Amino acid sequence: MVLDRKKVACTLQVGGEVLPQVEEFKYLGVLFTSEGRMDREIDRRIGAAAAVMRSMYRSAVVKKELSQKAKLSIYQSIYVPTLTYGHELWVMTERSLE
């Protein structure tokens, strides 16, 4: 993959085999695109966190047996890391905030 705002063809050959050029790939659970923008990764993280919240709501939030402290601990240990994993790489632009 080549990181550039414009599409650039780049041939990479390893051991006589030409590797295909890709527009995006996941590395350590983070989605990288050839344009270098993180919009799709941020949207993906928000979607994953929403799925976690739906699951947590059914299994923990509505349970009267759990204290508020226990529910908060579950939230902080599952929801927050799901939402923010890889956030150190996110570059916020005016376009991202729209």
Foldseek 3Di string as FASTA:
>chain_A
DAADQDDDDDWDADPNRTDDDDQWDDDPRAIAGSPRARLVRLVVLVVQLVVVVVVCCVVPVPDPVDDPVRSVVCCVVPNVCSNCPPVVSHDDDPVSVD
